[in-house]
Structures are given as structure tokens and as C-alpha cells.
Amino acid sequence: MKKNIIAVIPARGGSTRIPGKNYKKFNGEPIIARTIKKLKKSKIFNRIIVSTDSKKIALISKRCGAEVPFIRPKFLSGNYISSRPVIRHILRFLIKEGYEFDYVCEVYPASPFLQISDLKKGLRKIQSQKKDYVFSATPYLFPFFRSFTFSRKNGIKVLFDKYIKKRSQDLKQIMCDAGQFYWAHKETWLGKSKTNSKRGSESFTKGSDVIVIPIWRYHDIDTPDDWKRAELFYKLISKA
């Protein structure tokens, strides 16, 4: 019997640094619309569900073919609410309505560089290797162990003295969460997996794995400058 697979996009209406970030037009199209269309094109998911507190995002999402079963309650819509309780909330809703599913992929709405091939790699890995989570990650652009802080008052302060004279190629490779997608079994999201660490439903566990994406496809869009740079780069690679 085919097991149902769903995607959940947590998309809050508010954004401190980029107003309306999740529905702002990215090269002429709402950024969440691009993400939904990519998920539909992948043909991976039985259902694509958006959890939002914004009527505008809900309307855009429905027009693109995603489901918005309800407007997210206020207690899950604050600036300091992480996405994990939001995902659990929507999964409990689906269970209550009697829908049966197994694997869930959380996808961030502002993911214009998301690739279908990476989603499929993540699904294969989570299904075949029984990992806690499988998510997108990328190497830091510059060797992390050679970093330092700077202030006008205190000047330069090296963070890792014992590594500062080492060659870049001799340092450990440090990875960061690319913030695109997170695969896990339903039971893991709900905190019921036997393989989960004491940290509960967080993705950083010994039993988790990553899909490594190249640095050029990693764009953390948190400021207006980030947004402009990502738009320019997207145009560039679209012409390649």
C-alpha cells in the first residue's frame, strides 16, 4: 500500500526585517508561490499544506494549489515561536480528521533555490535509513575556526587561537543548516520516535543526516540586502 507523504509550509504573515517576507514578490512572483509550485512539480506529495496566520498568504497559497485548512491561532504566531510546534499542530489536526500519512517534509516558504532533486534525495534517505531527520545543509563559506570578532572599543579578538595559523585545508569542515527543508517520519515530528534524542523533535540529533547543497545555492534571506542579492543571483543562474 502506498504511504501518504505530505509537505507543510509554515508561513507567518509578520516579519521584522523584511515586511511581508513570505508573500513579497521575488522577481515578480510571491516567494511562497514559487515554493508551492516547486513542491507540486516534484510530484512527491499527496498533500501540500500551508500553516499561516495571514489571510493574504492563505489566498495566494490556495491559488497555487496548496491547502490552508485554517488560519493559524495567535498563540502559534508570535515572533519567538519556532516552527516545530507549528508542524505538530497541523499534524495533530490531520490525525484528528482521520487522515493517514507517514512522512512529512517541512519546507520554508522563502526557498527560491530549492531543488526537486534534493527533496527526492532526502525522501530516499529518510525512508531507507530510518534517520530522525534529514535536512538541507551547506559548508560555511569561509573556515569557521579562523573567525574573529571586531569592535571599535576592543579591536580584533580571535575566537580560536590554536587554529588561526593552520592552513584552511587542514581545518575541520563546519556545516550549517541551509534552512530549506526537513524530512522526518510523523512519529518523529510528534516526539514519539524511539530513536529521538533527549532534545525531542529538534533536527540536530545523532540520528539525523543531511543533504549537502553547494554554497552557491545557499542564500539566507533575512535582510533587504539579502533579498536583492538573492534576486540578482536567481536571475543569473536562470539564464545559465
C-alpha atoms as a PDB file:
ATOM      1  CA  MET A   1       0.000   0.000   0.000  1.00  0.00           C
ATOM      2  CA  LYS A   2       1.341   3.439  -0.927  1.00  0.00           C
ATOM      3  CA  LYS A   3       2.202   5.544   2.092  1.00  0.00           C
ATOM      4  CA  ASN A   4       0.970   9.124   2.048  1.00  0.00           C
ATOM      5  CA  ILE A   5       3.589  11.869   2.103  1.00  0.00           C
ATOM      6  CA  ILE A   6       2.810  15.465   2.965  1.00  0.00           C
ATOM      7  CA  ALA A   7       4.573  18.821   2.853  1.00  0.00           C
ATOM      8  CA  VAL A   8       3.932  21.517   5.423  1.00  0.00           C
ATOM      9  CA  ILE A   9       4.928  25.132   4.840  1.00  0.00           C
ATOM     10  CA  PRO A  10       4.950  27.326   7.970  1.00  0.00           C
ATOM     11  CA  ALA A  11       4.356  30.865   6.687  1.00  0.00           C
ATOM     12  CA  ARG A  12       3.766  33.648   9.162  1.00  0.00           C
ATOM     13  CA  GLY A  13       2.432  36.960   7.881  1.00  0.00           C
ATOM     14  CA  GLY A  14       4.671  39.125  10.046  1.00  0.00           C
ATOM     15  CA  SER A  15       8.386  39.699   9.510  1.00  0.00           C
ATOM     16  CA  THR A  16      10.589  42.158  11.387  1.00  0.00           C
ATOM     17  CA  ARG A  17      13.393  42.790   8.907  1.00  0.00           C
ATOM     18  CA  ILE A  18      11.607  42.184   5.584  1.00  0.00           C
ATOM     19  CA  PRO A  19       7.940  43.307   5.798  1.00  0.00           C
ATOM     20  CA  GLY A  20       5.634  40.706   4.248  1.00  0.00           C
ATOM     21  CA  LYS A  21       8.612  38.474   3.516  1.00  0.00           C
ATOM     22  CA  ASN A  22       6.661  35.269   2.870  1.00  0.00           C
ATOM     23  CA  TYR A  23       4.382  36.838   0.254  1.00  0.00           C
ATOM     24  CA  LYS A  24       6.731  39.530  -1.061  1.00  0.00           C
ATOM     25  CA  LYS A  25       7.305  39.273  -4.812  1.00  0.00           C
ATOM     26  CA  PHE A  26      10.603  37.610  -5.678  1.00  0.00           C
ATOM     27  CA  ASN A  27      11.467  38.541  -9.262  1.00  0.00           C
ATOM     28  CA  GLY A  28       7.812  39.283  -9.974  1.00  0.00           C
ATOM     29  CA  GLU A  29       6.102  36.412  -8.127  1.00  0.00           C
ATOM     30  CA  PRO A  30       5.203  35.914  -4.429  1.00  0.00           C
ATOM     31  CA  ILE A  31       8.066  33.914  -2.960  1.00  0.00           C
ATOM     32  CA  ILE A  32       5.756  31.363  -1.324  1.00  0.00           C
ATOM     33  CA  ALA A  33       4.067  30.801  -4.690  1.00  0.00           C
ATOM     34  CA  ARG A  34       7.419  29.738  -6.158  1.00  0.00           C
ATOM     35  CA  THR A  35       7.909  27.249  -3.350  1.00  0.00           C
ATOM     36  CA  ILE A  36       4.427  25.740  -3.655  1.00  0.00           C
ATOM     37  CA  LYS A  37       4.797  25.361  -7.422  1.00  0.00           C
ATOM     38  CA  LYS A  38       8.147  23.617  -6.937  1.00  0.00           C
ATOM     39  CA  LEU A  39       6.574  21.156  -4.493  1.00  0.00           C
ATOM     40  CA  LYS A  40       3.695  20.454  -6.877  1.00  0.00           C
ATOM     41  CA  LYS A  41       6.096  19.968  -9.769  1.00  0.00           C
ATOM     42  CA  SER A  42       8.047  17.398  -7.756  1.00  0.00           C
ATOM     43  CA  LYS A  43       5.008  15.060  -7.646  1.00  0.00           C
ATOM     44  CA  ILE A  44       6.292  13.764  -4.306  1.00  0.00           C
ATOM     45  CA  PHE A  45       3.474  14.900  -2.066  1.00  0.00           C
ATOM     46  CA  ASN A  46      -0.094  13.735  -1.629  1.00  0.00           C
ATOM     47  CA  ARG A  47      -0.925  16.991   0.118  1.00  0.00           C
ATOM     48  CA  ILE A  48       0.787  20.384   0.387  1.00  0.00           C
ATOM     49  CA  ILE A  49      -0.442  22.288   3.425  1.00  0.00           C
ATOM     50  CA  VAL A  50       0.304  25.857   4.473  1.00  0.00           C
ATOM     51  CA  SER A  51       0.042  26.911   8.112  1.00  0.00           C
ATOM     52  CA  THR A  52      -0.376  30.692   8.266  1.00  0.00           C
ATOM     53  CA  ASP A  53      -1.912  33.478  10.323  1.00  0.00           C
ATOM     54  CA  SER A  54      -2.231  35.669   7.211  1.00  0.00           C
ATOM     55  CA  LYS A  55      -5.344  35.813   5.021  1.00  0.00           C
ATOM     56  CA  LYS A  56      -3.204  37.162   2.174  1.00  0.00           C
ATOM     57  CA  ILE A  57      -0.795  34.217   2.349  1.00  0.00           C
ATOM     58  CA  ALA A  58      -3.762  31.850   2.606  1.00  0.00           C
ATOM     59  CA  LEU A  59      -5.278  33.290  -0.582  1.00  0.00           C
ATOM     60  CA  ILE A  60      -2.002  33.101  -2.531  1.00  0.00           C
ATOM     61  CA  SER A  61      -1.400  29.544  -1.319  1.00  0.00           C
ATOM     62  CA  LYS A  62      -4.838  28.315  -2.330  1.00  0.00           C
ATOM     63  CA  ARG A  63      -4.496  29.899  -5.768  1.00  0.00           C
ATOM     64  CA  CYS A  64      -1.261  27.939  -6.243  1.00  0.00           C
ATOM     65  CA  GLY A  65      -2.894  24.647  -5.297  1.00  0.00           C
ATOM     66  CA  ALA A  66      -1.913  24.287  -1.647  1.00  0.00           C
ATOM     67  CA  GLU A  67      -4.326  23.631   1.207  1.00  0.00           C
ATOM     68  CA  VAL A  68      -4.939  26.077   4.048  1.00  0.00           C
ATOM     69  CA  PRO A  69      -7.334  24.216   6.358  1.00  0.00           C
ATOM     70  CA  PHE A  70      -7.477  27.048   8.912  1.00  0.00           C
ATOM     71  CA  ILE A  71      -5.896  30.342   9.940  1.00  0.00           C
ATOM     72  CA  ARG A  72      -3.172  29.602  12.460  1.00  0.00           C
ATOM     73  CA  PRO A  73      -4.099  30.570  16.050  1.00  0.00           C
ATOM     74  CA  LYS A  74      -2.406  33.571  17.665  1.00  0.00           C
ATOM     75  CA  PHE A  75      -0.573  31.521  20.286  1.00  0.00           C
ATOM     76  CA  LEU A  76       1.439  29.936  17.452  1.00  0.00           C
ATOM     77  CA  SER A  77       2.061  33.157  15.534  1.00  0.00           C
ATOM     78  CA  GLY A  78       4.429  35.206  17.679  1.00  0.00           C
ATOM     79  CA  ASN A  79       7.932  36.368  16.755  1.00  0.00           C
ATOM     80  CA  TYR A  80       9.566  33.824  19.062  1.00  0.00           C
ATOM     81  CA  ILE A  81       7.557  30.743  18.105  1.00  0.00           C
ATOM     82  CA  SER A  82       9.707  28.104  16.404  1.00  0.00           C
ATOM     83  CA  SER A  83       8.354  26.053  13.531  1.00  0.00           C
ATOM     84  CA  ARG A  84       8.318  22.749  15.450  1.00  0.00           C
ATOM     85  CA  PRO A  85       5.125  23.390  17.485  1.00  0.00           C
ATOM     86  CA  VAL A  86       3.523  24.725  14.310  1.00  0.00           C
ATOM     87  CA  ILE A  87       4.261  21.462  12.490  1.00  0.00           C
ATOM     88  CA  ARG A  88       2.972  19.377  15.403  1.00  0.00           C
ATOM     89  CA  HIS A  89      -0.191  21.478  15.465  1.00  0.00           C
ATOM     90  CA  ILE A  90      -1.013  20.783  11.808  1.00  0.00           C
ATOM     91  CA  LEU A  91      -0.141  17.084  12.112  1.00  0.00           C
ATOM     92  CA  ARG A  92      -2.459  16.652  15.093  1.00  0.00           C
ATOM     93  CA  PHE A  93      -5.183  18.342  13.050  1.00  0.00           C
ATOM     94  CA  LEU A  94      -4.682  15.848  10.203  1.00  0.00           C
ATOM     95  CA  ILE A  95      -4.720  12.909  12.609  1.00  0.00           C
ATOM     96  CA  LYS A  96      -7.915  14.186  14.229  1.00  0.00           C
ATOM     97  CA  GLU A  97      -9.640  14.376  10.845  1.00  0.00           C
ATOM     98  CA  GLY A  98      -8.651  10.749  10.219  1.00  0.00           C
ATOM     99  CA  TYR A  99      -6.041  11.302   7.542  1.00  0.00           C
ATOM    100  CA  GLU A 100      -3.327   8.622   7.407  1.00  0.00           C
ATOM    101  CA  PHE A 101       0.219   9.576   6.469  1.00  0.00           C
ATOM    102  CA  ASP A 102       3.788   8.599   7.242  1.00  0.00           C
ATOM    103  CA  TYR A 103       6.476  11.022   6.098  1.00  0.00           C
ATOM    104  CA  VAL A 104       6.357  14.782   6.483  1.00  0.00           C
ATOM    105  CA  CYS A 105       8.575  17.428   4.910  1.00  0.00           C
ATOM    106  CA  GLU A 106       8.673  20.881   6.437  1.00  0.00           C
ATOM    107  CA  VAL A 107       9.591  23.408   3.735  1.00  0.00           C
ATOM    108  CA  TYR A 108      10.346  27.052   4.393  1.00  0.00           C
ATOM    109  CA  PRO A 109       8.334  29.442   2.193  1.00  0.00           C
ATOM    110  CA  ALA A 110      11.296  31.640   1.217  1.00  0.00           C
ATOM    111  CA  SER A 111      13.233  28.908  -0.610  1.00  0.00           C
ATOM    112  CA  PRO A 112      13.677  30.042  -4.235  1.00  0.00           C
ATOM    113  CA  PHE A 113      16.812  27.897  -4.652  1.00  0.00           C
ATOM    114  CA  LEU A 114      15.132  24.694  -3.505  1.00  0.00           C
ATOM    115  CA  GLN A 115      15.787  21.782  -5.883  1.00  0.00           C
ATOM    116  CA  ILE A 116      13.446  18.849  -6.520  1.00  0.00           C
ATOM    117  CA  SER A 117      16.425  16.512  -6.746  1.00  0.00           C
ATOM    118  CA  ASP A 118      17.436  17.433  -3.180  1.00  0.00           C
ATOM    119  CA  LEU A 119      13.901  16.792  -1.904  1.00  0.00           C
ATOM    120  CA  LYS A 120      13.947  13.355  -3.525  1.00  0.00           C
ATOM    121  CA  LYS A 121      17.363  12.528  -2.077  1.00  0.00           C
ATOM    122  CA  GLY A 122      16.090  13.487   1.354  1.00  0.00           C
ATOM    123  CA  LEU A 123      12.992  11.315   0.999  1.00  0.00           C
ATOM    124  CA  ARG A 124      15.011   8.288  -0.120  1.00  0.00           C
ATOM    125  CA  LYS A 125      17.370   8.696   2.810  1.00  0.00           C
ATOM    126  CA  ILE A 126      14.644   9.105   5.444  1.00  0.00           C
ATOM    127  CA  GLN A 127      12.779   6.071   4.087  1.00  0.00           C
ATOM    128  CA  SER A 128      15.728   3.721   3.645  1.00  0.00           C
ATOM    129  CA  GLN A 129      17.988   4.603   6.545  1.00  0.00           C
ATOM    130  CA  LYS A 130      15.455   5.318   9.316  1.00  0.00           C
ATOM    131  CA  LYS A 131      17.018   8.610  10.343  1.00  0.00           C
ATOM    132  CA  ASP A 132      15.486  11.024  12.841  1.00  0.00           C
ATOM    133  CA  TYR A 133      15.613  13.944  10.426  1.00  0.00           C
ATOM    134  CA  VAL A 134      17.142  14.597   7.030  1.00  0.00           C
ATOM    135  CA  PHE A 135      17.599  18.248   6.161  1.00  0.00           C
ATOM    136  CA  SER A 136      19.487  20.535   3.804  1.00  0.00           C
ATOM    137  CA  ALA A 137      22.914  21.758   4.895  1.00  0.00           C
ATOM    138  CA  THR A 138      25.855  23.533   3.346  1.00  0.00           C
ATOM    139  CA  PRO A 139      29.513  24.183   4.253  1.00  0.00           C
ATOM    140  CA  TYR A 140      30.402  27.554   5.724  1.00  0.00           C
ATOM    141  CA  LEU A 141      31.751  29.841   3.028  1.00  0.00           C
ATOM    142  CA  PHE A 142      34.960  30.557   4.970  1.00  0.00           C
ATOM    143  CA  PRO A 143      36.722  28.307   7.526  1.00  0.00           C
ATOM    144  CA  PHE A 144      34.822  28.886  10.774  1.00  0.00           C
ATOM    145  CA  PHE A 145      37.804  28.152  13.027  1.00  0.00           C
ATOM    146  CA  ARG A 146      39.683  31.146  11.619  1.00  0.00           C
ATOM    147  CA  SER A 147      36.944  33.607  12.546  1.00  0.00           C
ATOM    148  CA  PHE A 148      37.249  36.625  14.822  1.00  0.00           C
ATOM    149  CA  THR A 149      35.155  39.420  16.283  1.00  0.00           C
ATOM    150  CA  PHE A 150      35.774  43.137  15.886  1.00  0.00           C
ATOM    151  CA  SER A 151      34.631  46.238  17.733  1.00  0.00           C
ATOM    152  CA  ARG A 152      35.925  49.842  17.806  1.00  0.00           C
ATOM    153  CA  LYS A 153      36.389  49.562  21.552  1.00  0.00           C
ATOM    154  CA  ASN A 154      38.140  46.190  21.810  1.00  0.00           C
ATOM    155  CA  GLY A 155      39.596  45.741  18.338  1.00  0.00           C
ATOM    156  CA  ILE A 156      40.089  42.244  16.906  1.00  0.00           C
ATOM    157  CA  LYS A 157      39.582  39.148  19.041  1.00  0.00           C
ATOM    158  CA  VAL A 158      40.451  35.766  17.531  1.00  0.00           C
ATOM    159  CA  LEU A 159      37.881  33.143  18.533  1.00  0.00           C
ATOM    160  CA  PHE A 160      40.042  30.034  18.118  1.00  0.00           C
ATOM    161  CA  ASP A 161      43.698  30.845  18.817  1.00  0.00           C
ATOM    162  CA  LYS A 162      45.025  27.323  18.273  1.00  0.00           C
ATOM    163  CA  TYR A 163      43.616  27.172  14.753  1.00  0.00           C
ATOM    164  CA  ILE A 164      44.423  30.630  13.431  1.00  0.00           C
ATOM    165  CA  LYS A 165      47.817  29.617  11.942  1.00  0.00           C
ATOM    166  CA  LYS A 166      46.598  26.382  10.398  1.00  0.00           C
ATOM    167  CA  ARG A 167      46.002  26.018   6.677  1.00  0.00           C
ATOM    168  CA  SER A 168      42.356  26.166   5.626  1.00  0.00           C
ATOM    169  CA  GLN A 169      42.530  22.656   4.139  1.00  0.00           C
ATOM    170  CA  ASP A 170      43.705  21.248   7.496  1.00  0.00           C
ATOM    171  CA  LEU A 171      40.696  22.514   9.428  1.00  0.00           C
ATOM    172  CA  LYS A 172      37.530  20.535  10.052  1.00  0.00           C
ATOM    173  CA  GLN A 173      34.694  21.322   7.670  1.00  0.00           C
ATOM    174  CA  ILE A 174      31.896  23.091   9.516  1.00  0.00           C
ATOM    175  CA  MET A 175      28.345  22.828   8.190  1.00  0.00           C
ATOM    176  CA  CYS A 176      25.300  24.994   8.711  1.00  0.00           C
ATOM    177  CA  ASP A 177      21.586  24.394   8.330  1.00  0.00           C
ATOM    178  CA  ALA A 178      20.589  25.625   4.866  1.00  0.00           C
ATOM    179  CA  GLY A 179      17.016  26.338   6.003  1.00  0.00           C
ATOM    180  CA  GLN A 180      15.202  24.802   3.025  1.00  0.00           C
ATOM    181  CA  PHE A 181      13.593  21.506   4.034  1.00  0.00           C
ATOM    182  CA  TYR A 182      13.356  18.966   6.870  1.00  0.00           C
ATOM    183  CA  TRP A 183      12.209  15.381   6.349  1.00  0.00           C
ATOM    184  CA  ALA A 184      11.045  13.164   9.202  1.00  0.00           C
ATOM    185  CA  HIS A 185       8.546  10.438   9.966  1.00  0.00           C
ATOM    186  CA  LYS A 186       5.268  11.535  11.504  1.00  0.00           C
ATOM    187  CA  GLU A 187       6.186   9.910  14.826  1.00  0.00           C
ATOM    188  CA  THR A 188       9.427  11.880  14.982  1.00  0.00           C
ATOM    189  CA  TRP A 189       7.664  15.199  14.435  1.00  0.00           C
ATOM    190  CA  LEU A 190       5.233  14.307  17.190  1.00  0.00           C
ATOM    191  CA  GLY A 191       8.055  13.396  19.570  1.00  0.00           C
ATOM    192  CA  LYS A 192       7.109   9.709  19.671  1.00  0.00           C
ATOM    193  CA  SER A 193      10.085   8.206  17.848  1.00  0.00           C
ATOM    194  CA  LYS A 194      12.183   5.737  19.841  1.00  0.00           C
ATOM    195  CA  THR A 195      15.309   6.999  18.093  1.00  0.00           C
ATOM    196  CA  ASN A 196      14.781  10.613  19.146  1.00  0.00           C
ATOM    197  CA  SER A 197      17.367  12.195  21.408  1.00  0.00           C
ATOM    198  CA  LYS A 198      16.577  13.903  24.692  1.00  0.00           C
ATOM    199  CA  ARG A 199      16.241  17.143  22.751  1.00  0.00           C
ATOM    200  CA  GLY A 200      12.882  15.927  21.474  1.00  0.00           C
ATOM    201  CA  SER A 201      11.773  16.836  17.989  1.00  0.00           C
ATOM    202  CA  GLU A 202      14.724  19.043  17.085  1.00  0.00           C
ATOM    203  CA  SER A 203      16.612  18.084  13.953  1.00  0.00           C
ATOM    204  CA  PHE A 204      20.120  18.215  15.460  1.00  0.00           C
ATOM    205  CA  THR A 205      20.382  14.663  16.763  1.00  0.00           C
ATOM    206  CA  LYS A 206      22.964  11.904  16.373  1.00  0.00           C
ATOM    207  CA  GLY A 207      20.391  10.014  14.365  1.00  0.00           C
ATOM    208  CA  SER A 208      19.906  12.781  11.802  1.00  0.00           C
ATOM    209  CA  ASP A 209      21.527  13.189   8.396  1.00  0.00           C
ATOM    210  CA  VAL A 210      21.901  15.922   5.802  1.00  0.00           C
ATOM    211  CA  ILE A 211      21.605  16.540   2.093  1.00  0.00           C
ATOM    212  CA  VAL A 212      24.579  18.744   1.266  1.00  0.00           C
ATOM    213  CA  ILE A 213      23.807  21.567  -1.122  1.00  0.00           C
ATOM    214  CA  PRO A 214      26.537  23.649  -2.783  1.00  0.00           C
ATOM    215  CA  ILE A 215      27.381  27.012  -1.263  1.00  0.00           C
ATOM    216  CA  TRP A 216      26.184  28.897  -4.331  1.00  0.00           C
ATOM    217  CA  ARG A 217      22.639  27.596  -3.742  1.00  0.00           C
ATOM    218  CA  TYR A 218      22.566  28.724  -0.112  1.00  0.00           C
ATOM    219  CA  HIS A 219      21.012  32.143   0.437  1.00  0.00           C
ATOM    220  CA  ASP A 220      19.879  33.165   3.908  1.00  0.00           C
ATOM    221  CA  ILE A 221      17.243  35.786   3.079  1.00  0.00           C
ATOM    222  CA  ASP A 222      16.868  37.793   6.285  1.00  0.00           C
ATOM    223  CA  THR A 223      17.507  41.409   5.285  1.00  0.00           C
ATOM    224  CA  PRO A 224      16.573  43.634   2.302  1.00  0.00           C
ATOM    225  CA  ASP A 225      20.167  43.333   1.076  1.00  0.00           C
ATOM    226  CA  ASP A 226      19.921  39.526   1.262  1.00  0.00           C
ATOM    227  CA  TRP A 227      16.737  39.715  -0.796  1.00  0.00           C
ATOM    228  CA  LYS A 228      18.275  41.882  -3.532  1.00  0.00           C
ATOM    229  CA  ARG A 229      21.373  39.681  -3.739  1.00  0.00           C
ATOM    230  CA  ALA A 230      19.240  36.523  -3.977  1.00  0.00           C
ATOM    231  CA  GLU A 231      17.086  38.034  -6.736  1.00  0.00           C
ATOM    232  CA  LEU A 232      20.142  39.020  -8.750  1.00  0.00           C
ATOM    233  CA  PHE A 233      21.741  35.607  -8.340  1.00  0.00           C
ATOM    234  CA  TYR A 234      18.479  33.840  -9.243  1.00  0.00           C
ATOM    235  CA  LYS A 235      18.287  35.828 -12.484  1.00  0.00           C
ATOM    236  CA  LEU A 236      21.899  34.970 -13.218  1.00  0.00           C
ATOM    237  CA  ILE A 237      21.546  31.198 -12.814  1.00  0.00           C
ATOM    238  CA  SER A 238      18.180  31.190 -14.630  1.00  0.00           C
ATOM    239  CA  LYS A 239      19.967  32.442 -17.733  1.00  0.00           C
ATOM    240  CA  ALA A 240      22.781  29.891 -17.462  1.00  0.00           C
END
